[in-house]
Amino acid sequence: MAVVEILEFPDSRLRTVAKPVSKVDERVRQIIDDMFDTMYDAPGIGLAASQINVHEQIVVIDVSDDRSEPLVFINPEITVLDEETFEYDEGCLSVPGFYETVVRPQHIRVKALDRDGKEFVMEPEGLLAVCIQHEKDHLLGKLFVDYISPLKRNRIRGKMDKLHKQKSS
């Protein structure tokens, strides 16, 4: 297990659409373990494989306070169960230090495979539903900043570019 680099906005690799996982094997489980290590180290509550430059449909999430509820979603498919939406201040490990209000459905159904390749279905609400939708967006090459105004997005891009230049010099 290892902590790996998280790609940061505006890195173009974050826009790559992830491919479905065809077989859940030891290679995929190693990616999952590395993702959990990386997410917990960051620290965060969700991470998509796209964020670590692995363009396969793998998501790890743990919204518990004590890191006791790790969840794995391979090839997640989301269905909105209730059109009612709510606003949530979202952040992202690929856009560190920035939070913006995003409106999302609050009740969804997700069908996915677990780390052993077994299919499961759950119907989360609230924070877990938001987190699953946020991470699924990553698999589609979409970031939470795509939901905000171009002005705010460009301001964040400018600040991230400046940070990256400072880190590299």
C-alpha atoms as a PDB file:
ATOM      1  CA  MET A   1       0.000   0.000   0.000  1.00  0.00           C
ATOM      2  CA  ALA A   2       1.182   3.484  -0.798  1.00  0.00           C
ATOM      3  CA  VAL A   3       0.265   7.140  -0.833  1.00  0.00           C
ATOM      4  CA  VAL A   4       0.314   8.333  -4.439  1.00  0.00           C
ATOM      5  CA  GLU A   5       0.217  11.764  -6.064  1.00  0.00           C
ATOM      6  CA  ILE A   6      -3.190  13.392  -6.508  1.00  0.00           C
ATOM      7  CA  LEU A   7      -3.605  15.312  -9.753  1.00  0.00           C
ATOM      8  CA  GLU A   8      -4.619  18.932  -9.213  1.00  0.00           C
ATOM      9  CA  PHE A   9      -6.828  21.266 -11.223  1.00  0.00           C
ATOM     10  CA  PRO A  10      -6.317  22.415 -13.971  1.00  0.00           C
ATOM     11  CA  ASP A  11      -4.334  19.277 -14.950  1.00  0.00           C
ATOM     12  CA  SER A  12      -5.878  18.076 -18.224  1.00  0.00           C
ATOM     13  CA  ARG A  13      -5.599  14.415 -17.148  1.00  0.00           C
ATOM     14  CA  LEU A  14      -8.484  15.088 -14.740  1.00  0.00           C
ATOM     15  CA  ARG A  15     -10.706  15.486 -17.824  1.00  0.00           C
ATOM     16  CA  THR A  16     -10.074  11.913 -19.025  1.00  0.00           C
ATOM     17  CA  VAL A  17     -13.187   9.724 -19.004  1.00  0.00           C
ATOM     18  CA  ALA A  18     -12.528   6.543 -17.025  1.00  0.00           C
ATOM     19  CA  LYS A  19     -13.073   3.116 -18.560  1.00  0.00           C
ATOM     20  CA  PRO A  20     -15.103   0.390 -16.841  1.00  0.00           C
ATOM     21  CA  VAL A  21     -13.177  -2.210 -14.879  1.00  0.00           C
ATOM     22  CA  SER A  22     -13.485  -5.494 -16.769  1.00  0.00           C
ATOM     23  CA  LYS A  23     -12.158  -7.770 -14.024  1.00  0.00           C
ATOM     24  CA  VAL A  24     -11.771  -7.221 -10.280  1.00  0.00           C
ATOM     25  CA  ASP A  25      -8.464  -8.858  -9.434  1.00  0.00           C
ATOM     26  CA  GLU A  26      -5.393  -8.284  -7.242  1.00  0.00           C
ATOM     27  CA  ARG A  27      -4.231  -5.406  -9.470  1.00  0.00           C
ATOM     28  CA  VAL A  28      -7.540  -3.579  -8.911  1.00  0.00           C
ATOM     29  CA  ARG A  29      -7.493  -4.340  -5.172  1.00  0.00           C
ATOM     30  CA  GLN A  30      -3.953  -2.874  -4.973  1.00  0.00           C
ATOM     31  CA  ILE A  31      -5.218   0.310  -6.652  1.00  0.00           C
ATOM     32  CA  ILE A  32      -8.068   0.422  -4.120  1.00  0.00           C
ATOM     33  CA  ASP A  33      -5.657   0.016  -1.178  1.00  0.00           C
ATOM     34  CA  ASP A  34      -3.415   2.788  -2.546  1.00  0.00           C
ATOM     35  CA  MET A  35      -6.475   4.996  -3.022  1.00  0.00           C
ATOM     36  CA  PHE A  36      -7.566   4.540   0.602  1.00  0.00           C
ATOM     37  CA  ASP A  37      -4.029   5.288   1.841  1.00  0.00           C
ATOM     38  CA  THR A  38      -3.914   8.398  -0.327  1.00  0.00           C
ATOM     39  CA  MET A  39      -7.410   9.599   0.622  1.00  0.00           C
ATOM     40  CA  TYR A  40      -6.836   9.147   4.361  1.00  0.00           C
ATOM     41  CA  ASP A  41      -3.422  10.806   4.152  1.00  0.00           C
ATOM     42  CA  ALA A  42      -4.753  13.867   2.300  1.00  0.00           C
ATOM     43  CA  PRO A  43      -7.131  13.846   4.369  1.00  0.00           C
ATOM     44  CA  GLY A  44     -10.376  13.430   2.437  1.00  0.00           C
ATOM     45  CA  ILE A  45     -13.651  11.520   2.386  1.00  0.00           C
ATOM     46  CA  GLY A  46     -13.659  10.381  -1.241  1.00  0.00           C
ATOM     47  CA  LEU A  47     -11.273   9.694  -4.089  1.00  0.00           C
ATOM     48  CA  ALA A  48     -11.775   8.598  -7.684  1.00  0.00           C
ATOM     49  CA  ALA A  49      -9.075   6.651  -9.507  1.00  0.00           C
ATOM     50  CA  SER A  50      -9.003   9.425 -12.125  1.00  0.00           C
ATOM     51  CA  GLN A  51      -7.544  11.724  -9.468  1.00  0.00           C
ATOM     52  CA  ILE A  52      -4.457   9.517  -9.188  1.00  0.00           C
ATOM     53  CA  ASN A  53      -4.094   9.202 -12.969  1.00  0.00           C
ATOM     54  CA  VAL A  54      -5.679   5.732 -13.135  1.00  0.00           C
ATOM     55  CA  HIS A  55      -8.498   6.080 -15.640  1.00  0.00           C
ATOM     56  CA  GLU A  56     -10.664   3.198 -14.500  1.00  0.00           C
ATOM     57  CA  GLN A  57     -14.070   3.407 -12.824  1.00  0.00           C
ATOM     58  CA  ILE A  58     -13.014   2.983  -9.202  1.00  0.00           C
ATOM     59  CA  VAL A  59     -14.152   5.152  -6.277  1.00  0.00           C
ATOM     60  CA  VAL A  60     -13.320   4.915  -2.568  1.00  0.00           C
ATOM     61  CA  ILE A  61     -15.301   6.762   0.102  1.00  0.00           C
ATOM     62  CA  ASP A  62     -15.373   6.966   3.878  1.00  0.00           C
ATOM     63  CA  VAL A  63     -17.594   9.672   5.349  1.00  0.00           C
ATOM     64  CA  SER A  64     -17.201   8.417   8.942  1.00  0.00           C
ATOM     65  CA  ASP A  65     -15.378  10.540  11.492  1.00  0.00           C
ATOM     66  CA  ASP A  66     -13.122   7.668  12.549  1.00  0.00           C
ATOM     67  CA  ARG A  67     -12.338   6.069   9.158  1.00  0.00           C
ATOM     68  CA  SER A  68     -14.359   2.999  10.086  1.00  0.00           C
ATOM     69  CA  GLU A  69     -16.728   2.816   7.094  1.00  0.00           C
ATOM     70  CA  PRO A  70     -14.623   2.379   3.941  1.00  0.00           C
ATOM     71  CA  LEU A  71     -16.742   1.902   0.824  1.00  0.00           C
ATOM     72  CA  VAL A  72     -15.631   0.817  -2.650  1.00  0.00           C
ATOM     73  CA  PHE A  73     -17.612   1.482  -5.817  1.00  0.00           C
ATOM     74  CA  ILE A  74     -16.371  -0.135  -9.023  1.00  0.00           C
ATOM     75  CA  ASN A  75     -18.234   0.782 -12.237  1.00  0.00           C
ATOM     76  CA  PRO A  76     -20.822   2.819 -10.290  1.00  0.00           C
ATOM     77  CA  GLU A  77     -24.165   3.552 -11.936  1.00  0.00           C
ATOM     78  CA  ILE A  78     -26.288   6.285 -10.363  1.00  0.00           C
ATOM     79  CA  THR A  79     -30.047   6.757 -10.584  1.00  0.00           C
ATOM     80  CA  VAL A  80     -31.714   9.822  -9.047  1.00  0.00           C
ATOM     81  CA  LEU A  81     -34.569   8.687  -6.779  1.00  0.00           C
ATOM     82  CA  ASP A  82     -35.887  12.080  -5.719  1.00  0.00           C
ATOM     83  CA  GLU A  83     -35.686  15.251  -7.778  1.00  0.00           C
ATOM     84  CA  GLU A  84     -35.405  17.263  -4.563  1.00  0.00           C
ATOM     85  CA  THR A  85     -31.989  18.854  -4.415  1.00  0.00           C
ATOM     86  CA  PHE A  86     -29.929  20.464  -1.735  1.00  0.00           C
ATOM     87  CA  GLU A  87     -26.907  22.701  -1.584  1.00  0.00           C
ATOM     88  CA  TYR A  88     -23.653  21.481  -0.152  1.00  0.00           C
ATOM     89  CA  ASP A  89     -20.301  23.212   0.166  1.00  0.00           C
ATOM     90  CA  GLU A  90     -18.044  20.840  -1.717  1.00  0.00           C
ATOM     91  CA  GLY A  91     -14.304  20.643  -1.652  1.00  0.00           C
ATOM     92  CA  CYS A  92     -12.004  18.363  -3.603  1.00  0.00           C
ATOM     93  CA  LEU A  93      -8.580  16.821  -3.107  1.00  0.00           C
ATOM     94  CA  SER A  94      -7.805  17.886  -6.692  1.00  0.00           C
ATOM     95  CA  VAL A  95      -8.734  21.499  -5.884  1.00  0.00           C
ATOM     96  CA  PRO A  96      -7.245  21.787  -2.369  1.00  0.00           C
ATOM     97  CA  GLY A  97      -8.294  24.675  -0.178  1.00  0.00           C
ATOM     98  CA  PHE A  98     -11.345  25.693  -2.193  1.00  0.00           C
ATOM     99  CA  TYR A  99     -15.001  25.117  -1.323  1.00  0.00           C
ATOM    100  CA  GLU A 100     -18.016  26.108  -3.384  1.00  0.00           C
ATOM    101  CA  THR A 101     -21.740  25.499  -3.085  1.00  0.00           C
ATOM    102  CA  VAL A 102     -22.996  22.821  -5.476  1.00  0.00           C
ATOM    103  CA  VAL A 103     -26.632  21.749  -5.927  1.00  0.00           C
ATOM    104  CA  ARG A 104     -27.199  18.001  -6.284  1.00  0.00           C
ATOM    105  CA  PRO A 105     -30.008  15.471  -5.844  1.00  0.00           C
ATOM    106  CA  GLN A 106     -30.120  14.376  -2.233  1.00  0.00           C
ATOM    107  CA  HIS A 107     -31.423  10.818  -2.684  1.00  0.00           C
ATOM    108  CA  ILE A 108     -29.900   8.414  -5.208  1.00  0.00           C
ATOM    109  CA  ARG A 109     -29.544   4.734  -5.955  1.00  0.00           C
ATOM    110  CA  VAL A 110     -26.090   3.442  -6.805  1.00  0.00           C
ATOM    111  CA  LYS A 111     -25.325   0.046  -8.280  1.00  0.00           C
ATOM    112  CA  ALA A 112     -21.680  -1.007  -8.283  1.00  0.00           C
ATOM    113  CA  LEU A 113     -19.207  -3.772  -7.620  1.00  0.00           C
ATOM    114  CA  ASP A 114     -17.363  -4.031  -4.306  1.00  0.00           C
ATOM    115  CA  ARG A 115     -13.646  -4.782  -3.880  1.00  0.00           C
ATOM    116  CA  ASP A 116     -14.373  -8.499  -4.396  1.00  0.00           C
ATOM    117  CA  GLY A 117     -16.312  -7.925  -7.622  1.00  0.00           C
ATOM    118  CA  LYS A 118     -19.705  -8.586  -6.031  1.00  0.00           C
ATOM    119  CA  GLU A 119     -22.565  -6.400  -7.217  1.00  0.00           C
ATOM    120  CA  PHE A 120     -24.463  -4.361  -4.627  1.00  0.00           C
ATOM    121  CA  VAL A 121     -27.091  -1.634  -4.566  1.00  0.00           C
ATOM    122  CA  MET A 122     -27.551   1.127  -1.989  1.00  0.00           C
ATOM    123  CA  GLU A 123     -29.809   4.157  -1.683  1.00  0.00           C
ATOM    124  CA  PRO A 124     -27.830   6.815   0.176  1.00  0.00           C
ATOM    125  CA  GLU A 125     -29.004  10.296   1.105  1.00  0.00           C
ATOM    126  CA  GLY A 126     -27.225  13.397   2.362  1.00  0.00           C
ATOM    127  CA  LEU A 127     -23.433  13.583   2.534  1.00  0.00           C
ATOM    128  CA  LEU A 128     -22.827  10.057   1.220  1.00  0.00           C
ATOM    129  CA  ALA A 129     -25.100  10.699  -1.789  1.00  0.00           C
ATOM    130  CA  VAL A 130     -23.272  13.970  -2.509  1.00  0.00           C
ATOM    131  CA  CYS A 131     -19.870  12.293  -2.198  1.00  0.00           C
ATOM    132  CA  ILE A 132     -20.809   9.437  -4.553  1.00  0.00           C
ATOM    133  CA  GLN A 133     -22.091  11.909  -7.164  1.00  0.00           C
ATOM    134  CA  HIS A 134     -18.958  14.068  -6.785  1.00  0.00           C
ATOM    135  CA  GLU A 135     -16.640  11.082  -7.278  1.00  0.00           C
ATOM    136  CA  LYS A 136     -18.705   9.685 -10.167  1.00  0.00           C
ATOM    137  CA  ASP A 137     -18.276  13.083 -11.853  1.00  0.00           C
ATOM    138  CA  HIS A 138     -14.489  12.552 -11.693  1.00  0.00           C
ATOM    139  CA  LEU A 139     -14.907   9.300 -13.603  1.00  0.00           C
ATOM    140  CA  LEU A 140     -16.683  11.319 -16.307  1.00  0.00           C
ATOM    141  CA  GLY A 141     -13.898  13.923 -16.453  1.00  0.00           C
ATOM    142  CA  LYS A 142     -15.941  16.495 -14.551  1.00  0.00           C
ATOM    143  CA  LEU A 143     -14.972  18.544 -11.481  1.00  0.00           C
ATOM    144  CA  PHE A 144     -17.058  20.406  -8.929  1.00  0.00           C
ATOM    145  CA  VAL A 145     -15.711  23.685 -10.321  1.00  0.00           C
ATOM    146  CA  ASP A 146     -17.694  22.927 -13.493  1.00  0.00           C
ATOM    147  CA  TYR A 147     -20.859  23.662 -11.475  1.00  0.00           C
ATOM    148  CA  ILE A 148     -19.826  27.183 -10.523  1.00  0.00           C
ATOM    149  CA  SER A 149     -19.676  30.387 -12.525  1.00  0.00           C
ATOM    150  CA  PRO A 150     -16.897  30.830 -15.106  1.00  0.00           C
ATOM    151  CA  LEU A 151     -15.661  33.836 -13.118  1.00  0.00           C
ATOM    152  CA  LYS A 152     -15.211  31.812  -9.912  1.00  0.00           C
ATOM    153  CA  ARG A 153     -13.745  28.866 -11.849  1.00  0.00           C
ATOM    154  CA  ASN A 154     -11.179  31.099 -13.573  1.00  0.00           C
ATOM    155  CA  ARG A 155     -10.264  32.724 -10.262  1.00  0.00           C
ATOM    156  CA  ILE A 156      -9.627  29.277  -8.735  1.00  0.00           C
ATOM    157  CA  ARG A 157      -7.645  28.225 -11.842  1.00  0.00           C
ATOM    158  CA  GLY A 158      -5.446  31.324 -11.494  1.00  0.00           C
ATOM    159  CA  LYS A 159      -4.774  30.645  -7.819  1.00  0.00           C
ATOM    160  CA  MET A 160      -4.008  26.964  -8.511  1.00  0.00           C
ATOM    161  CA  ASP A 161      -1.644  27.891 -11.376  1.00  0.00           C
ATOM    162  CA  LYS A 162       0.145  30.314  -9.032  1.00  0.00           C
ATOM    163  CA  LEU A 163       0.471  27.604  -6.337  1.00  0.00           C
ATOM    164  CA  HIS A 164       1.857  25.110  -8.855  1.00  0.00           C
ATOM    165  CA  LYS A 165       4.440  27.645 -10.053  1.00  0.00           C
ATOM    166  CA  GLN A 166       5.507  28.322  -6.456  1.00  0.00           C
ATOM    167  CA  LYS A 167       5.873  24.584  -5.757  1.00  0.00           C
ATOM    168  CA  SER A 168       7.991  24.000  -8.853  1.00  0.00           C
ATOM    169  CA  SER A 169      10.383  26.895  -8.257  1.00  0.00           C
END
